[in-house]
Amino acid sequence: MDMLRYDYQTMLKRSKNSAYRAEITEMTEVLMHFLKENKLIKIDPFNEDGSLKSNLILHRSDLSDTGNALFLKTLPKWSEYIDRGGDAKNTKILSTGLNKIMSKHE
């Protein structure tokens, strides 16, 4: 079964609050850039103009094994950090988590 990992539209529909929606968009853009830069995603989450695809949905098959491990182990910590007022652009939690995952696969 190809598990759903991320659905951008579902995240946006959780609230009509414009500040919340802007935060979700920023978080999604940062996350997708991180995944793409680290070759953890098999699809391109961006349009040709560099904007985020509005219909973005990620399944397990869209991510590398390492990308899936990141979603399961590290993404919740990063999301909690953002929910507590942290800056979505700060990807230190994601980088640290990725390094831990990578060191276990060596």
PDB file of N, CA and C in Angstrom:
ATOM      1  N   MET A   1       0.839  -1.186   0.000  1.00  0.00           N
ATOM      2  CA  MET A   1       0.000   0.000   0.000  1.00  0.00           C
ATOM      3  C   MET A   1       0.886   1.253   0.000  1.00  0.00           C
ATOM      4  N   ASP A   2       0.557   2.183  -0.853  1.00  0.00           N
ATOM      5  CA  ASP A   2       1.333   3.409  -1.005  1.00  0.00           C
ATOM      6  C   ASP A   2       0.800   4.468  -0.036  1.00  0.00           C
ATOM      7  N   MET A   3       1.391   4.512   1.147  1.00  0.00           N
ATOM      8  CA  MET A   3       0.923   5.387   2.216  1.00  0.00           C
ATOM      9  C   MET A   3       1.040   6.864   1.852  1.00  0.00           C
ATOM     10  N   LEU A   4       0.026   7.626   2.239  1.00  0.00           N
ATOM     11  CA  LEU A   4       0.043   9.072   2.072  1.00  0.00           C
ATOM     12  C   LEU A   4       1.018   9.658   3.089  1.00  0.00           C
ATOM     13  N   ARG A   5       1.918  10.516   2.640  1.00  0.00           N
ATOM     14  CA  ARG A   5       2.875  11.157   3.534  1.00  0.00           C
ATOM     15  C   ARG A   5       2.537  12.631   3.765  1.00  0.00           C
ATOM     16  N   TYR A   6       2.042  13.315   2.718  1.00  0.00           N
ATOM     17  CA  TYR A   6       1.781  14.741   2.851  1.00  0.00           C
ATOM     18  C   TYR A   6       0.774  15.176   1.797  1.00  0.00           C
ATOM     19  N   ASP A   7      -0.233  15.941   2.216  1.00  0.00           N
ATOM     20  CA  ASP A   7      -1.236  16.479   1.304  1.00  0.00           C
ATOM     21  C   ASP A   7      -1.366  17.974   1.588  1.00  0.00           C
ATOM     22  N   TYR A   8      -0.810  18.762   0.726  1.00  0.00           N
ATOM     23  CA  TYR A   8      -0.773  20.219   0.902  1.00  0.00           C
ATOM     24  C   TYR A   8      -2.172  20.818   1.036  1.00  0.00           C
ATOM     25  N   GLN A   9      -3.091  20.443   0.162  1.00  0.00           N
ATOM     26  CA  GLN A   9      -4.438  21.000   0.197  1.00  0.00           C
ATOM     27  C   GLN A   9      -5.173  20.645   1.499  1.00  0.00           C
ATOM     28  N   THR A  10      -4.981  19.427   1.977  1.00  0.00           N
ATOM     29  CA  THR A  10      -5.618  19.030   3.236  1.00  0.00           C
ATOM     30  C   THR A  10      -5.076  19.872   4.384  1.00  0.00           C
ATOM     31  N   MET A  11      -3.776  20.133   4.358  1.00  0.00           N
ATOM     32  CA  MET A  11      -3.184  20.991   5.389  1.00  0.00           C
ATOM     33  C   MET A  11      -3.787  22.395   5.338  1.00  0.00           C
ATOM     34  N   LEU A  12      -3.956  22.940   4.153  1.00  0.00           N
ATOM     35  CA  LEU A  12      -4.523  24.281   4.008  1.00  0.00           C
ATOM     36  C   LEU A  12      -5.977  24.332   4.462  1.00  0.00           C
ATOM     37  N   LYS A  13      -6.728  23.265   4.230  1.00  0.00           N
ATOM     38  CA  LYS A  13      -8.160  23.246   4.551  1.00  0.00           C
ATOM     39  C   LYS A  13      -8.448  23.173   6.049  1.00  0.00           C
ATOM     40  N   ARG A  14      -7.418  22.963   6.851  1.00  0.00           N
ATOM     41  CA  ARG A  14      -7.629  22.872   8.298  1.00  0.00           C
ATOM     42  C   ARG A  14      -8.084  24.197   8.900  1.00  0.00           C
ATOM     43  N   SER A  15      -7.827  25.288   8.207  1.00  0.00           N
ATOM     44  CA  SER A  15      -8.218  26.599   8.723  1.00  0.00           C
ATOM     45  C   SER A  15      -8.360  27.588   7.575  1.00  0.00           C
ATOM     46  N   LYS A  16      -9.293  28.533   7.750  1.00  0.00           N
ATOM     47  CA  LYS A  16      -9.437  29.605   6.767  1.00  0.00           C
ATOM     48  C   LYS A  16      -8.596  30.817   7.172  1.00  0.00           C
ATOM     49  N   ASN A  17      -7.957  30.744   8.325  1.00  0.00           N
ATOM     50  CA  ASN A  17      -7.131  31.822   8.832  1.00  0.00           C
ATOM     51  C   ASN A  17      -5.959  32.056   7.879  1.00  0.00           C
ATOM     52  N   SER A  18      -5.824  33.287   7.399  1.00  0.00           N
ATOM     53  CA  SER A  18      -4.796  33.572   6.392  1.00  0.00           C
ATOM     54  C   SER A  18      -3.377  33.424   6.952  1.00  0.00           C
ATOM     55  N   ALA A  19      -3.175  33.746   8.228  1.00  0.00           N
ATOM     56  CA  ALA A  19      -1.850  33.586   8.829  1.00  0.00           C
ATOM     57  C   ALA A  19      -1.472  32.107   8.903  1.00  0.00           C
ATOM     58  N   TYR A  20      -2.430  31.271   9.278  1.00  0.00           N
ATOM     59  CA  TYR A  20      -2.182  29.822   9.339  1.00  0.00           C
ATOM     60  C   TYR A  20      -1.841  29.294   7.946  1.00  0.00           C
ATOM     61  N   ARG A  21      -2.628  29.695   6.960  1.00  0.00           N
ATOM     62  CA  ARG A  21      -2.417  29.222   5.592  1.00  0.00           C
ATOM     63  C   ARG A  21      -1.051  29.676   5.057  1.00  0.00           C
ATOM     64  N   ALA A  22      -0.649  30.886   5.385  1.00  0.00           N
ATOM     65  CA  ALA A  22       0.667  31.388   4.957  1.00  0.00           C
ATOM     66  C   ALA A  22       1.775  30.576   5.636  1.00  0.00           C
ATOM     67  N   GLU A  23       1.573  30.226   6.908  1.00  0.00           N
ATOM     68  CA  GLU A  23       2.567  29.423   7.627  1.00  0.00           C
ATOM     69  C   GLU A  23       2.688  28.026   7.010  1.00  0.00           C
ATOM     70  N   ILE A  24       1.558  27.431   6.655  1.00  0.00           N
ATOM     71  CA  ILE A  24       1.570  26.100   6.022  1.00  0.00           C
ATOM     72  C   ILE A  24       2.280  26.173   4.676  1.00  0.00           C
ATOM     73  N   THR A  25       2.019  27.206   3.908  1.00  0.00           N
ATOM     74  CA  THR A  25       2.665  27.354   2.605  1.00  0.00           C
ATOM     75  C   THR A  25       4.170  27.520   2.777  1.00  0.00           C
ATOM     76  N   GLU A  26       4.582  28.364   3.713  1.00  0.00           N
ATOM     77  CA  GLU A  26       6.016  28.563   3.940  1.00  0.00           C
ATOM     78  C   GLU A  26       6.669  27.256   4.394  1.00  0.00           C
ATOM     79  N   MET A  27       6.040  26.577   5.338  1.00  0.00           N
ATOM     80  CA  MET A  27       6.575  25.318   5.851  1.00  0.00           C
ATOM     81  C   MET A  27       6.699  24.286   4.723  1.00  0.00           C
ATOM     82  N   THR A  28       5.687  24.206   3.879  1.00  0.00           N
ATOM     83  CA  THR A  28       5.694  23.245   2.781  1.00  0.00           C
ATOM     84  C   THR A  28       6.800  23.579   1.785  1.00  0.00           C
ATOM     85  N   GLU A  29       6.942  24.856   1.454  1.00  0.00           N
ATOM     86  CA  GLU A  29       7.999  25.264   0.519  1.00  0.00           C
ATOM     87  C   GLU A  29       9.384  24.924   1.071  1.00  0.00           C
ATOM     88  N   VAL A  30       9.623  25.231   2.336  1.00  0.00           N
ATOM     89  CA  VAL A  30      10.920  24.948   2.955  1.00  0.00           C
ATOM     90  C   VAL A  30      11.170  23.439   2.963  1.00  0.00           C
ATOM     91  N   LEU A  31      10.161  22.681   3.367  1.00  0.00           N
ATOM     92  CA  LEU A  31      10.296  21.221   3.418  1.00  0.00           C
ATOM     93  C   LEU A  31      10.588  20.642   2.039  1.00  0.00           C
ATOM     94  N   MET A  32       9.870  21.092   1.025  1.00  0.00           N
ATOM     95  CA  MET A  32      10.061  20.548  -0.327  1.00  0.00           C
ATOM     96  C   MET A  32      11.436  20.928  -0.876  1.00  0.00           C
ATOM     97  N   HIS A  33      11.905  22.144  -0.587  1.00  0.00           N
ATOM     98  CA  HIS A  33      13.264  22.525  -1.006  1.00  0.00           C
ATOM     99  C   HIS A  33      14.292  21.628  -0.311  1.00  0.00           C
ATOM    100  N   PHE A  34      14.087  21.368   0.974  1.00  0.00           N
ATOM    101  CA  PHE A  34      15.008  20.512   1.721  1.00  0.00           C
ATOM    102  C   PHE A  34      15.035  19.107   1.116  1.00  0.00           C
ATOM    103  N   LEU A  35      13.861  18.560   0.847  1.00  0.00           N
ATOM    104  CA  LEU A  35      13.782  17.213   0.270  1.00  0.00           C
ATOM    105  C   LEU A  35      14.458  17.164  -1.094  1.00  0.00           C
ATOM    106  N   LYS A  36      14.196  18.179  -1.908  1.00  0.00           N
ATOM    107  CA  LYS A  36      14.760  18.220  -3.267  1.00  0.00           C
ATOM    108  C   LYS A  36      16.277  18.394  -3.234  1.00  0.00           C
ATOM    109  N   GLU A  37      16.764  19.311  -2.406  1.00  0.00           N
ATOM    110  CA  GLU A  37      18.205  19.570  -2.316  1.00  0.00           C
ATOM    111  C   GLU A  37      18.975  18.346  -1.828  1.00  0.00           C
ATOM    112  N   ASN A  38      18.331  17.547  -1.001  1.00  0.00           N
ATOM    113  CA  ASN A  38      18.991  16.368  -0.440  1.00  0.00           C
ATOM    114  C   ASN A  38      18.635  15.081  -1.187  1.00  0.00           C
ATOM    115  N   LYS A  39      17.985  15.237  -2.328  1.00  0.00           N
ATOM    116  CA  LYS A  39      17.630  14.105  -3.202  1.00  0.00           C
ATOM    117  C   LYS A  39      16.834  13.031  -2.454  1.00  0.00           C
ATOM    118  N   LEU A  40      15.848  13.503  -1.682  1.00  0.00           N
ATOM    119  CA  LEU A  40      15.002  12.603  -0.897  1.00  0.00           C
ATOM    120  C   LEU A  40      13.629  12.433  -1.522  1.00  0.00           C
ATOM    121  N   ILE A  41      13.360  13.185  -2.593  1.00  0.00           N
ATOM    122  CA  ILE A  41      12.054  13.165  -3.241  1.00  0.00           C
ATOM    123  C   ILE A  41      12.226  12.794  -4.710  1.00  0.00           C
ATOM    124  N   LYS A  42      11.316  11.973  -5.215  1.00  0.00           N
ATOM    125  CA  LYS A  42      11.415  11.474  -6.592  1.00  0.00           C
ATOM    126  C   LYS A  42      10.610  12.299  -7.589  1.00  0.00           C
ATOM    127  N   ILE A  43       9.731  13.146  -7.083  1.00  0.00           N
ATOM    128  CA  ILE A  43       8.930  13.997  -7.967  1.00  0.00           C
ATOM    129  C   ILE A  43       9.359  15.445  -7.749  1.00  0.00           C
ATOM    130  N   ASP A  44       8.986  16.321  -8.681  1.00  0.00           N
ATOM    131  CA  ASP A  44       9.288  17.735  -8.509  1.00  0.00           C
ATOM    132  C   ASP A  44       8.057  18.406  -7.898  1.00  0.00           C
ATOM    133  N   PRO A  45       8.178  18.926  -6.676  1.00  0.00           N
ATOM    134  CA  PRO A  45       7.025  19.544  -6.020  1.00  0.00           C
ATOM    135  C   PRO A  45       6.758  20.981  -6.466  1.00  0.00           C
ATOM    136  N   PHE A  46       7.562  21.462  -7.415  1.00  0.00           N
ATOM    137  CA  PHE A  46       7.443  22.847  -7.860  1.00  0.00           C
ATOM    138  C   PHE A  46       7.047  22.941  -9.330  1.00  0.00           C
ATOM    139  N   ASN A  47       6.342  24.007  -9.643  1.00  0.00           N
ATOM    140  CA  ASN A  47       6.010  24.318 -11.027  1.00  0.00           C
ATOM    141  C   ASN A  47       7.255  24.861 -11.717  1.00  0.00           C
ATOM    142  N   GLU A  48       7.168  25.024 -13.037  1.00  0.00           N
ATOM    143  CA  GLU A  48       8.311  25.534 -13.802  1.00  0.00           C
ATOM    144  C   GLU A  48       8.758  26.905 -13.337  1.00  0.00           C
ATOM    145  N   ASP A  49       7.826  27.718 -12.820  1.00  0.00           N
ATOM    146  CA  ASP A  49       8.179  29.068 -12.355  1.00  0.00           C
ATOM    147  C   ASP A  49       8.737  29.069 -10.930  1.00  0.00           C
ATOM    148  N   GLY A  50       8.868  27.887 -10.341  1.00  0.00           N
ATOM    149  CA  GLY A  50       9.437  27.783  -9.002  1.00  0.00           C
ATOM    150  C   GLY A  50       8.418  27.806  -7.878  1.00  0.00           C
ATOM    151  N   SER A  51       7.159  28.039  -8.234  1.00  0.00           N
ATOM    152  CA  SER A  51       6.117  28.055  -7.205  1.00  0.00           C
ATOM    153  C   SER A  51       5.728  26.624  -6.821  1.00  0.00           C
ATOM    154  N   LEU A  52       5.201  26.493  -5.639  1.00  0.00           N
ATOM    155  CA  LEU A  52       4.777  25.204  -5.114  1.00  0.00           C
ATOM    156  C   LEU A  52       3.559  24.711  -5.887  1.00  0.00           C
ATOM    157  N   LYS A  53       3.535  23.448  -6.251  1.00  0.00           N
ATOM    158  CA  LYS A  53       2.366  22.886  -6.930  1.00  0.00           C
ATOM    159  C   LYS A  53       1.195  22.882  -5.955  1.00  0.00           C
ATOM    160  N   SER A  54       0.088  23.477  -6.371  1.00  0.00           N
ATOM    161  CA  SER A  54      -1.065  23.616  -5.468  1.00  0.00           C
ATOM    162  C   SER A  54      -1.717  22.277  -5.147  1.00  0.00           C
ATOM    163  N   ASN A  55      -1.550  21.295  -6.010  1.00  0.00           N
ATOM    164  CA  ASN A  55      -2.160  19.977  -5.808  1.00  0.00           C
ATOM    165  C   ASN A  55      -1.147  18.956  -5.269  1.00  0.00           C
ATOM    166  N   LEU A  56      -0.119  19.441  -4.586  1.00  0.00           N
ATOM    167  CA  LEU A  56       0.968  18.587  -4.115  1.00  0.00           C
ATOM    168  C   LEU A  56       0.485  17.531  -3.120  1.00  0.00           C
ATOM    169  N   ILE A  57       0.723  16.300  -3.470  1.00  0.00           N
ATOM    170  CA  ILE A  57       0.450  15.161  -2.590  1.00  0.00           C
ATOM    171  C   ILE A  57       1.657  14.243  -2.673  1.00  0.00           C
ATOM    172  N   LEU A  58       2.176  13.863  -1.520  1.00  0.00           N
ATOM    173  CA  LEU A  58       3.308  12.943  -1.475  1.00  0.00           C
ATOM    174  C   LEU A  58       2.878  11.607  -0.891  1.00  0.00           C
ATOM    175  N   HIS A  59       3.250  10.552  -1.572  1.00  0.00           N
ATOM    176  CA  HIS A  59       3.045   9.191  -1.080  1.00  0.00           C
ATOM    177  C   HIS A  59       4.408   8.584  -0.774  1.00  0.00           C
ATOM    178  N   ARG A  60       4.377   7.481  -0.115  1.00  0.00           N
ATOM    179  CA  ARG A  60       5.613   6.779   0.242  1.00  0.00           C
ATOM    180  C   ARG A  60       6.492   6.550  -0.986  1.00  0.00           C
ATOM    181  N   SER A  61       5.880   6.192  -2.100  1.00  0.00           N
ATOM    182  CA  SER A  61       6.634   5.895  -3.325  1.00  0.00           C
ATOM    183  C   SER A  61       7.282   7.138  -3.942  1.00  0.00           C
ATOM    184  N   ASP A  62       6.865   8.333  -3.503  1.00  0.00           N
ATOM    185  CA  ASP A  62       7.435   9.573  -4.036  1.00  0.00           C
ATOM    186  C   ASP A  62       8.723   9.972  -3.319  1.00  0.00           C
ATOM    187  N   LEU A  63       9.051   9.241  -2.252  1.00  0.00           N
ATOM    188  CA  LEU A  63      10.224   9.559  -1.445  1.00  0.00           C
ATOM    189  C   LEU A  63      11.218   8.416  -1.466  1.00  0.00           C
ATOM    190  N   SER A  64      12.477   8.740  -1.288  1.00  0.00           N
ATOM    191  CA  SER A  64      13.497   7.698  -1.135  1.00  0.00           C
ATOM    192  C   SER A  64      13.288   7.033   0.227  1.00  0.00           C
ATOM    193  N   ASP A  65      13.984   5.934   0.468  1.00  0.00           N
ATOM    194  CA  ASP A  65      13.899   5.284   1.779  1.00  0.00           C
ATOM    195  C   ASP A  65      14.309   6.256   2.879  1.00  0.00           C
ATOM    196  N   THR A  66      15.351   7.019   2.621  1.00  0.00           N
ATOM    197  CA  THR A  66      15.816   8.000   3.592  1.00  0.00           C
ATOM    198  C   THR A  66      14.775   9.101   3.779  1.00  0.00           C
ATOM    199  N   GLY A  67      14.138   9.527   2.697  1.00  0.00           N
ATOM    200  CA  GLY A  67      13.082  10.532   2.774  1.00  0.00           C
ATOM    201  C   GLY A  67      11.907  10.054   3.614  1.00  0.00           C
ATOM    202  N   ASN A  68      11.538   8.781   3.438  1.00  0.00           N
ATOM    203  CA  ASN A  68      10.459   8.217   4.243  1.00  0.00           C
ATOM    204  C   ASN A  68      10.839   8.154   5.717  1.00  0.00           C
ATOM    205  N   ALA A  69      12.071   7.787   5.997  1.00  0.00           N
ATOM    206  CA  ALA A  69      12.538   7.740   7.383  1.00  0.00           C
ATOM    207  C   ALA A  69      12.504   9.140   7.999  1.00  0.00           C
ATOM    208  N   LEU A  70      12.875  10.147   7.219  1.00  0.00           N
ATOM    209  CA  LEU A  70      12.845  11.525   7.692  1.00  0.00           C
ATOM    210  C   LEU A  70      11.412  11.939   8.041  1.00  0.00           C
ATOM    211  N   PHE A  71      10.461  11.580   7.189  1.00  0.00           N
ATOM    212  CA  PHE A  71       9.060  11.915   7.435  1.00  0.00           C
ATOM    213  C   PHE A  71       8.557  11.277   8.723  1.00  0.00           C
ATOM    214  N   LEU A  72       8.964  10.041   8.964  1.00  0.00           N
ATOM    215  CA  LEU A  72       8.477   9.330  10.143  1.00  0.00           C
ATOM    216  C   LEU A  72       9.176   9.750  11.429  1.00  0.00           C
ATOM    217  N   LYS A  73      10.481   9.981  11.373  1.00  0.00           N
ATOM    218  CA  LYS A  73      11.258  10.214  12.588  1.00  0.00           C
ATOM    219  C   LYS A  73      11.492  11.685  12.909  1.00  0.00           C
ATOM    220  N   THR A  74      11.683  12.512  11.898  1.00  0.00           N
ATOM    221  CA  THR A  74      12.138  13.880  12.134  1.00  0.00           C
ATOM    222  C   THR A  74      11.078  14.937  11.852  1.00  0.00           C
ATOM    223  N   LEU A  75      10.247  14.730  10.858  1.00  0.00           N
ATOM    224  CA  LEU A  75       9.252  15.743  10.499  1.00  0.00           C
ATOM    225  C   LEU A  75       8.346  16.121  11.675  1.00  0.00           C
ATOM    226  N   PRO A  76       7.888  15.170  12.497  1.00  0.00           N
ATOM    227  CA  PRO A  76       7.053  15.568  13.643  1.00  0.00           C
ATOM    228  C   PRO A  76       7.765  16.541  14.599  1.00  0.00           C
ATOM    229  N   LYS A  77       9.048  16.346  14.833  1.00  0.00           N
ATOM    230  CA  LYS A  77       9.813  17.246  15.722  1.00  0.00           C
ATOM    231  C   LYS A  77       9.897  18.643  15.116  1.00  0.00           C
ATOM    232  N   TRP A  78      10.158  18.711  13.822  1.00  0.00           N
ATOM    233  CA  TRP A  78      10.252  20.004  13.137  1.00  0.00           C
ATOM    234  C   TRP A  78       8.898  20.713  13.148  1.00  0.00           C
ATOM    235  N   SER A  79       7.818  19.975  12.914  1.00  0.00           N
ATOM    236  CA  SER A  79       6.466  20.555  12.935  1.00  0.00           C
ATOM    237  C   SER A  79       6.123  21.098  14.319  1.00  0.00           C
ATOM    238  N   GLU A  80       6.477  20.352  15.360  1.00  0.00           N
ATOM    239  CA  GLU A  80       6.231  20.817  16.728  1.00  0.00           C
ATOM    240  C   GLU A  80       7.009  22.103  17.009  1.00  0.00           C
ATOM    241  N   TYR A  81       8.243  22.155  16.545  1.00  0.00           N
ATOM    242  CA  TYR A  81       9.075  23.349  16.703  1.00  0.00           C
ATOM    243  C   TYR A  81       8.389  24.554  16.055  1.00  0.00           C
ATOM    244  N   ILE A  82       7.858  24.380  14.871  1.00  0.00           N
ATOM    245  CA  ILE A  82       7.176  25.470  14.160  1.00  0.00           C
ATOM    246  C   ILE A  82       5.890  25.843  14.895  1.00  0.00           C
ATOM    247  N   ASP A  83       5.145  24.848  15.357  1.00  0.00           N
ATOM    248  CA  ASP A  83       3.904  25.108  16.092  1.00  0.00           C
ATOM    249  C   ASP A  83       4.149  25.921  17.366  1.00  0.00           C
ATOM    250  N   ARG A  84       5.331  25.757  17.956  1.00  0.00           N
ATOM    251  CA  ARG A  84       5.675  26.498  19.175  1.00  0.00           C
ATOM    252  C   ARG A  84       6.247  27.882  18.853  1.00  0.00           C
ATOM    253  N   GLY A  85       6.165  28.290  17.591  1.00  0.00           N
ATOM    254  CA  GLY A  85       6.616  29.623  17.204  1.00  0.00           C
ATOM    255  C   GLY A  85       7.969  29.660  16.530  1.00  0.00           C
ATOM    256  N   GLY A  86       8.554  28.494  16.260  1.00  0.00           N
ATOM    257  CA  GLY A  86       9.840  28.434  15.586  1.00  0.00           C
ATOM    258  C   GLY A  86       9.749  28.866  14.129  1.00  0.00           C
ATOM    259  N   ASP A  87      10.876  29.226  13.576  1.00  0.00           N
ATOM    260  CA  ASP A  87      10.963  29.690  12.191  1.00  0.00           C
ATOM    261  C   ASP A  87      11.052  28.491  11.241  1.00  0.00           C
ATOM    262  N   ALA A  88      10.099  28.401  10.334  1.00  0.00           N
ATOM    263  CA  ALA A  88      10.078  27.286   9.372  1.00  0.00           C
ATOM    264  C   ALA A  88      11.343  27.246   8.528  1.00  0.00           C
ATOM    265  N   LYS A  89      11.981  28.393   8.342  1.00  0.00           N
ATOM    266  CA  LYS A  89      13.197  28.441   7.516  1.00  0.00           C
ATOM    267  C   LYS A  89      14.399  27.812   8.222  1.00  0.00           C
ATOM    268  N   ASN A  90      14.271  27.592   9.516  1.00  0.00           N
ATOM    269  CA  ASN A  90      15.346  26.956  10.276  1.00  0.00           C
ATOM    270  C   ASN A  90      15.214  25.441  10.104  1.00  0.00           C
ATOM    271  N   THR A  91      16.086  24.885   9.275  1.00  0.00           N
ATOM    272  CA  THR A  91      16.006  23.451   8.969  1.00  0.00           C
ATOM    273  C   THR A  91      17.025  22.627   9.758  1.00  0.00           C
ATOM    274  N   LYS A  92      17.523  23.195  10.849  1.00  0.00           N
ATOM    275  CA  LYS A  92      18.523  22.482  11.651  1.00  0.00           C
ATOM    276  C   LYS A  92      17.982  21.136  12.139  1.00  0.00           C
ATOM    277  N   ILE A  93      16.742  21.094  12.585  1.00  0.00           N
ATOM    278  CA  ILE A  93      16.150  19.838  13.055  1.00  0.00           C
ATOM    279  C   ILE A  93      16.111  18.818  11.923  1.00  0.00           C
ATOM    280  N   LEU A  94      15.729  19.266  10.728  1.00  0.00           N
ATOM    281  CA  LEU A  94      15.689  18.363   9.574  1.00  0.00           C
ATOM    282  C   LEU A  94      17.091  17.873   9.221  1.00  0.00           C
ATOM    283  N   SER A  95      18.060  18.777   9.218  1.00  0.00           N
ATOM    284  CA  SER A  95      19.447  18.409   8.881  1.00  0.00           C
ATOM    285  C   SER A  95      20.024  17.427   9.892  1.00  0.00           C
ATOM    286  N   THR A  96      19.792  17.699  11.174  1.00  0.00           N
ATOM    287  CA  THR A  96      20.287  16.810  12.220  1.00  0.00           C
ATOM    288  C   THR A  96      19.642  15.436  12.099  1.00  0.00           C
ATOM    289  N   GLY A  97      18.336  15.421  11.867  1.00  0.00           N
ATOM    290  CA  GLY A  97      17.623  14.150  11.693  1.00  0.00           C
ATOM    291  C   GLY A  97      18.129  13.385  10.487  1.00  0.00           C
ATOM    292  N   LEU A  98      18.364  14.091   9.393  1.00  0.00           N
ATOM    293  CA  LEU A  98      18.874  13.452   8.179  1.00  0.00           C
ATOM    294  C   LEU A  98      20.254  12.858   8.441  1.00  0.00           C
ATOM    295  N   ASN A  99      21.100  13.602   9.136  1.00  0.00           N
ATOM    296  CA  ASN A  99      22.444  13.093   9.445  1.00  0.00           C
ATOM    297  C   ASN A  99      22.372  11.831  10.297  1.00  0.00           C
ATOM    298  N   LYS A 100      21.463  11.794  11.259  1.00  0.00           N
ATOM    299  CA  LYS A 100      21.303  10.595  12.097  1.00  0.00           C
ATOM    300  C   LYS A 100      20.842   9.408  11.259  1.00  0.00           C
ATOM    301  N   ILE A 101      19.882   9.647  10.381  1.00  0.00           N
ATOM    302  CA  ILE A 101      19.364   8.575   9.515  1.00  0.00           C
ATOM    303  C   ILE A 101      20.473   8.069   8.601  1.00  0.00           C
ATOM    304  N   MET A 102      21.224   8.992   8.009  1.00  0.00           N
ATOM    305  CA  MET A 102      22.294   8.632   7.078  1.00  0.00           C
ATOM    306  C   MET A 102      23.394   7.847   7.788  1.00  0.00           C
ATOM    307  N   SER A 103      23.716   8.219   9.018  1.00  0.00           N
ATOM    308  CA  SER A 103      24.782   7.506   9.746  1.00  0.00           C
ATOM    309  C   SER A 103      24.358   6.082  10.095  1.00  0.00           C
ATOM    310  N   LYS A 104      23.073   5.839  10.238  1.00  0.00           N
ATOM    311  CA  LYS A 104      22.592   4.483  10.530  1.00  0.00           C
ATOM    312  C   LYS A 104      22.594   3.609   9.283  1.00  0.00           C
ATOM    313  N   HIS A 105      22.529   4.241   8.107  1.00  0.00           N
ATOM    314  CA  HIS A 105      22.495   3.489   6.845  1.00  0.00           C
ATOM    315  C   HIS A 105      23.892   3.188   6.308  1.00  0.00           C
ATOM    316  N   GLU A 106      24.908   3.706   6.953  1.00  0.00           N
ATOM    317  CA  GLU A 106      26.276   3.486   6.449  1.00  0.00           C
ATOM    318  C   GLU A 106      26.809   2.145   6.888  1.00  0.00           C
TER     319      GLU A 106
END
